[in-house]
Amino acid sequence: MTDNEEREESVVEMPDAFREADESVHDSNNNRRKGDTKVGLTLRIIVAAYVLYLAYSLIQNFGKNTGNDRIFIAIAIGVFLIAGGAILILSVKKLIRKEYIDANEESEDEKR
C-alpha cells in the first residue's frame, strides 16, 4: 500500500449537519451575513470610533516614552488605526447601502 492510498482511506467526510449549516450561511440573500443588523452595525461604528480614539491618545503621548516602549506603542498605534479604520469604513458602507437584516423583514420571513 502506498502513501497516496493510505491518505485516501483516511479522508473523513463532513457530516451532513455541518454541510447544511455551511450552505445556509452562504445562501443568505444579497450576500448579507446572518448577524448583520442595524443595531449591530451601529455598535461596530461606536467601537471603531473608540479604537480610533485610543490610537489618537497613544499618538498624543508618544513623545513621553523612550526606548523599546516607543516601538511597541508605534505598533499598537498602527494596529489600532488599521483595525478601527477598517471596521468603521466597512460598517458605515454596509449601513449606507442597507446591507443588513431589518427587523421588519426578519419578522415577515418568520411569519411565512
C-alpha atoms as a PDB file:
ATOM      1  CA  MET A   1       0.000   0.000   0.000  1.00  0.00           C
ATOM      2  CA  THR A   2       1.433   3.386  -0.980  1.00  0.00           C
ATOM      3  CA  ASP A   3       1.251   6.692   0.882  1.00  0.00           C
ATOM      4  CA  ASN A   4      -1.386   8.041  -1.506  1.00  0.00           C
ATOM      5  CA  GLU A   5      -3.653   5.047  -0.946  1.00  0.00           C
ATOM      6  CA  GLU A   6      -3.310   5.431   2.841  1.00  0.00           C
ATOM      7  CA  ARG A   7      -4.169   9.130   2.623  1.00  0.00           C
ATOM      8  CA  GLU A   8      -7.257   8.420   0.508  1.00  0.00           C
ATOM      9  CA  GLU A   9      -8.502   5.894   3.057  1.00  0.00           C
ATOM     10  CA  SER A  10      -8.017   8.281   5.980  1.00  0.00           C
ATOM     11  CA  VAL A  11     -10.109  11.120   4.481  1.00  0.00           C
ATOM     12  CA  VAL A  12     -13.147  11.856   6.642  1.00  0.00           C
ATOM     13  CA  GLU A  13     -16.214  13.450   5.096  1.00  0.00           C
ATOM     14  CA  MET A  14     -18.007  16.389   6.698  1.00  0.00           C
ATOM     15  CA  PRO A  15     -21.247  15.367   8.456  1.00  0.00           C
ATOM     16  CA  ASP A  16     -24.472  16.498   6.771  1.00  0.00           C
ATOM     17  CA  ALA A  17     -25.432  18.776   9.677  1.00  0.00           C
ATOM     18  CA  PHE A  18     -22.239  20.814   9.274  1.00  0.00           C
ATOM     19  CA  ARG A  19     -22.588  20.914   5.491  1.00  0.00           C
ATOM     20  CA  GLU A  20     -26.177  22.224   5.747  1.00  0.00           C
ATOM     21  CA  ALA A  21     -25.170  24.885   8.270  1.00  0.00           C
ATOM     22  CA  ASP A  22     -22.325  25.979   5.995  1.00  0.00           C
ATOM     23  CA  GLU A  23     -24.656  26.211   2.992  1.00  0.00           C
ATOM     24  CA  SER A  24     -27.266  28.209   4.918  1.00  0.00           C
ATOM     25  CA  VAL A  25     -24.705  30.889   5.730  1.00  0.00           C
ATOM     26  CA  HIS A  26     -23.741  31.195   2.051  1.00  0.00           C
ATOM     27  CA  ASP A  27     -27.349  31.211   0.832  1.00  0.00           C
ATOM     28  CA  SER A  28     -28.336  34.397   2.658  1.00  0.00           C
ATOM     29  CA  ASN A  29     -29.979  36.901   0.341  1.00  0.00           C
ATOM     30  CA  ASN A  30     -27.830  39.627  -1.245  1.00  0.00           C
ATOM     31  CA  ASN A  31     -24.642  38.292   0.373  1.00  0.00           C
ATOM     32  CA  ARG A  32     -25.733  39.526   3.784  1.00  0.00           C
ATOM     33  CA  ARG A  33     -24.195  37.899   6.810  1.00  0.00           C
ATOM     34  CA  LYS A  34     -26.760  36.417   9.141  1.00  0.00           C
ATOM     35  CA  GLY A  35     -25.775  38.541  12.126  1.00  0.00           C
ATOM     36  CA  ASP A  36     -25.620  41.964  10.475  1.00  0.00           C
ATOM     37  CA  THR A  37     -28.388  44.123  11.891  1.00  0.00           C
ATOM     38  CA  LYS A  38     -28.745  47.876  12.030  1.00  0.00           C
ATOM     39  CA  VAL A  39     -28.060  47.867  15.775  1.00  0.00           C
ATOM     40  CA  GLY A  40     -25.022  45.613  15.319  1.00  0.00           C
ATOM     41  CA  LEU A  41     -23.559  47.870  12.665  1.00  0.00           C
ATOM     42  CA  THR A  42     -24.180  50.913  14.840  1.00  0.00           C
ATOM     43  CA  LEU A  43     -22.385  49.252  17.753  1.00  0.00           C
ATOM     44  CA  ARG A  44     -19.465  48.389  15.470  1.00  0.00           C
ATOM     45  CA  ILE A  45     -19.224  52.040  14.443  1.00  0.00           C
ATOM     46  CA  ILE A  46     -19.148  53.098  18.109  1.00  0.00           C
ATOM     47  CA  VAL A  47     -16.454  50.521  18.930  1.00  0.00           C
ATOM     48  CA  ALA A  48     -14.404  51.560  15.880  1.00  0.00           C
ATOM     49  CA  ALA A  49     -14.640  55.212  16.932  1.00  0.00           C
ATOM     50  CA  TYR A  50     -13.396  54.252  20.409  1.00  0.00           C
ATOM     51  CA  VAL A  51     -10.475  52.259  18.978  1.00  0.00           C
ATOM     52  CA  LEU A  52      -9.542  55.246  16.813  1.00  0.00           C
ATOM     53  CA  TYR A  53      -9.770  57.467  19.913  1.00  0.00           C
ATOM     54  CA  LEU A  54      -7.359  55.105  21.707  1.00  0.00           C
ATOM     55  CA  ALA A  55      -4.942  55.395  18.787  1.00  0.00           C
ATOM     56  CA  TYR A  56      -5.251  59.195  18.949  1.00  0.00           C
ATOM     57  CA  SER A  57      -4.471  59.254  22.678  1.00  0.00           C
ATOM     58  CA  LEU A  58      -1.477  56.972  22.108  1.00  0.00           C
ATOM     59  CA  ILE A  59      -0.229  59.370  19.432  1.00  0.00           C
ATOM     60  CA  GLN A  60      -0.580  62.320  21.820  1.00  0.00           C
ATOM     61  CA  ASN A  61       1.527  60.599  24.497  1.00  0.00           C
ATOM     62  CA  PHE A  62       4.028  59.063  22.065  1.00  0.00           C
ATOM     63  CA  GLY A  63       6.784  61.615  22.790  1.00  0.00           C
ATOM     64  CA  LYS A  64       6.786  60.865  26.530  1.00  0.00           C
ATOM     65  CA  ASN A  65       8.056  57.294  26.032  1.00  0.00           C
ATOM     66  CA  THR A  66      11.598  56.124  25.336  1.00  0.00           C
ATOM     67  CA  GLY A  67      13.412  53.044  24.096  1.00  0.00           C
ATOM     68  CA  ASN A  68      11.574  49.813  23.404  1.00  0.00           C
ATOM     69  CA  ASP A  69       8.299  51.283  24.625  1.00  0.00           C
ATOM     70  CA  ARG A  70       8.217  53.532  21.572  1.00  0.00           C
ATOM     71  CA  ILE A  71       8.436  50.526  19.249  1.00  0.00           C
ATOM     72  CA  PHE A  72       5.556  48.704  20.919  1.00  0.00           C
ATOM     73  CA  ILE A  73       3.427  51.827  21.121  1.00  0.00           C
ATOM     74  CA  ALA A  74       4.101  52.577  17.451  1.00  0.00           C
ATOM     75  CA  ILE A  75       2.978  49.036  16.571  1.00  0.00           C
ATOM     76  CA  ALA A  76      -0.136  49.444  18.740  1.00  0.00           C
ATOM     77  CA  ILE A  77      -0.943  52.759  17.054  1.00  0.00           C
ATOM     78  CA  GLY A  78      -0.648  51.141  13.638  1.00  0.00           C
ATOM     79  CA  VAL A  79      -2.843  48.195  14.605  1.00  0.00           C
ATOM     80  CA  PHE A  80      -5.462  50.442  16.196  1.00  0.00           C
ATOM     81  CA  LEU A  81      -5.562  52.782  13.204  1.00  0.00           C
ATOM     82  CA  ILE A  82      -5.848  49.962  10.672  1.00  0.00           C
ATOM     83  CA  ALA A  83      -8.382  47.899  12.637  1.00  0.00           C
ATOM     84  CA  GLY A  84     -10.500  50.845  13.764  1.00  0.00           C
ATOM     85  CA  GLY A  85     -10.454  52.424  10.321  1.00  0.00           C
ATOM     86  CA  ALA A  86     -11.362  49.178   8.553  1.00  0.00           C
ATOM     87  CA  ILE A  87     -14.213  48.389  10.939  1.00  0.00           C
ATOM     88  CA  LEU A  88     -15.525  51.947  10.686  1.00  0.00           C
ATOM     89  CA  ILE A  89     -15.372  52.099   6.883  1.00  0.00           C
ATOM     90  CA  LEU A  90     -16.917  48.662   6.320  1.00  0.00           C
ATOM     91  CA  SER A  91     -19.694  49.223   8.854  1.00  0.00           C
ATOM     92  CA  VAL A  92     -20.606  52.673   7.535  1.00  0.00           C
ATOM     93  CA  LYS A  93     -20.582  51.306   3.978  1.00  0.00           C
ATOM     94  CA  LYS A  94     -22.965  48.473   4.926  1.00  0.00           C
ATOM     95  CA  LEU A  95     -25.192  50.872   6.833  1.00  0.00           C
ATOM     96  CA  ILE A  96     -25.402  53.316   3.915  1.00  0.00           C
ATOM     97  CA  ARG A  97     -26.045  50.547   1.356  1.00  0.00           C
ATOM     98  CA  LYS A  98     -28.602  48.989   3.709  1.00  0.00           C
ATOM     99  CA  GLU A  99     -26.793  45.633   3.654  1.00  0.00           C
ATOM    100  CA  TYR A 100     -28.271  44.476   6.925  1.00  0.00           C
ATOM    101  CA  ILE A 101     -31.205  42.437   8.095  1.00  0.00           C
ATOM    102  CA  ASP A 102     -34.067  44.714   9.001  1.00  0.00           C
ATOM    103  CA  ALA A 103     -36.192  43.654  11.974  1.00  0.00           C
ATOM    104  CA  ASN A 104     -39.363  44.077   9.886  1.00  0.00           C
ATOM    105  CA  GLU A 105     -38.039  41.845   7.072  1.00  0.00           C
ATOM    106  CA  GLU A 106     -36.971  39.197   9.567  1.00  0.00           C
ATOM    107  CA  SER A 107     -40.374  39.083  11.283  1.00  0.00           C
ATOM    108  CA  GLU A 108     -42.158  38.821   7.900  1.00  0.00           C
ATOM    109  CA  ASP A 109     -39.926  35.883   6.912  1.00  0.00           C
ATOM    110  CA  GLU A 110     -40.698  34.133  10.210  1.00  0.00           C
ATOM    111  CA  LYS A 111     -44.453  34.535   9.646  1.00  0.00           C
ATOM    112  CA  ARG A 112     -44.237  32.704   6.311  1.00  0.00           C
END
